[in-house]
C-alpha cells in the first residue's frame, strides 16, 4: 500500500478512489472513521487514499494531479 492522496474529507477521498478504480487501479480509503472522533478539531491528513500495488503509484498520482488542476 502506498498513500497517493491526503484528503480534506471522506467525500474527497471517495471521489479519488472511484476515479482510480475507474482507471483500473485498486485503491482504498483509510482514516475516514477518525473524523467523527475528533469533534471540532481539524482532521487534516487523517483521511488518505492508498493504491494497493506500488507499481500503480505514478499513474495514480498523474490522475490525481489532472483532477486537481
Protein backbone atom coordinates (compact mmCIF):
# COMPACT_ATOMS: atom_id res chain seq x y z
CA UNK A 1 0.00 0.00 0.00
CA UNK A 2 1.22 3.44 -0.96
CA UNK A 3 -0.56 6.65 0.07
CA UNK A 4 -1.24 8.76 -3.01
CA UNK A 5 -3.70 11.35 -1.65
CA UNK A 6 -4.34 13.17 1.63
CA UNK A 7 -7.99 14.15 1.54
CA UNK A 8 -9.74 17.08 3.18
CA UNK A 9 -12.75 14.84 3.84
CA UNK A 10 -14.02 11.35 3.21
CA UNK A 11 -16.07 12.72 0.30
CA UNK A 12 -12.91 13.87 -1.48
CA UNK A 13 -11.24 10.56 -0.68
CA UNK A 14 -14.04 8.55 -2.26
CA UNK A 15 -14.07 10.76 -5.36
CA UNK A 16 -10.37 10.00 -5.83
CA UNK A 17 -10.81 6.31 -5.02
CA UNK A 18 -13.58 5.99 -7.61
CA UNK A 19 -11.51 7.82 -10.25
CA UNK A 20 -8.58 5.47 -9.67
CA UNK A 21 -10.74 2.36 -9.75
CA UNK A 22 -12.39 3.55 -12.98
CA UNK A 23 -8.88 3.54 -14.45
CA UNK A 24 -8.25 0.00 -13.18
CA UNK A 25 -6.17 0.97 -10.15
CA UNK A 26 -7.27 -0.86 -6.98
CA UNK A 27 -7.29 1.55 -4.03
CA UNK A 28 -8.68 2.07 -0.56
CA UNK A 29 -9.65 4.86 1.83
CA UNK A 30 -8.18 4.92 5.33
CA UNK A 31 -8.93 7.13 8.33
CA UNK A 32 -12.47 8.11 7.40
CA UNK A 33 -13.85 6.95 10.74
CA UNK A 34 -11.40 9.15 12.65
CA UNK A 35 -13.23 12.29 11.54
CA UNK A 36 -16.15 11.89 13.94
CA UNK A 37 -13.94 11.08 16.90
CA UNK A 38 -12.16 14.41 16.85
CA UNK A 39 -15.20 16.65 17.09
CA UNK A 40 -14.46 20.20 16.03
CA UNK A 41 -10.72 19.73 15.63
CA UNK A 42 -9.44 19.69 12.06
CA UNK A 43 -8.61 16.25 10.69
CA UNK A 44 -6.13 17.23 8.04
CA UNK A 45 -4.03 14.35 6.80
CA UNK A 46 -6.01 11.65 8.56
CA UNK A 47 -8.14 10.59 5.59
CA UNK A 48 -5.97 9.08 2.88
CA UNK A 49 -6.27 7.14 -0.35
CA UNK A 50 -3.76 4.37 -0.99
CA UNK A 51 -3.09 2.22 -4.03
CA UNK A 52 -2.72 -1.49 -3.43
CA UNK A 53 0.05 -2.09 -5.97
CA UNK A 54 3.14 0.10 -5.69
CA UNK A 55 3.58 -0.12 -9.47
CA UNK A 56 0.36 1.93 -9.89
CA UNK A 57 1.67 4.85 -7.82
CA UNK A 58 2.98 7.06 -10.64
CA UNK A 59 -0.13 6.55 -12.75
CA UNK A 60 -2.39 7.27 -9.78
CA UNK A 61 -0.51 10.46 -8.92
CA UNK A 62 -0.90 11.69 -12.51
CA UNK A 63 -4.66 11.01 -12.47
CA UNK A 64 -5.00 12.90 -9.19
CA UNK A 65 -2.88 15.82 -10.43
CA UNK A 66 -5.00 16.12 -13.58
CA UNK A 67 -8.17 16.07 -11.45
CA UNK A 68 -6.87 18.78 -9.11
CA UNK A 69 -5.97 21.17 -11.94
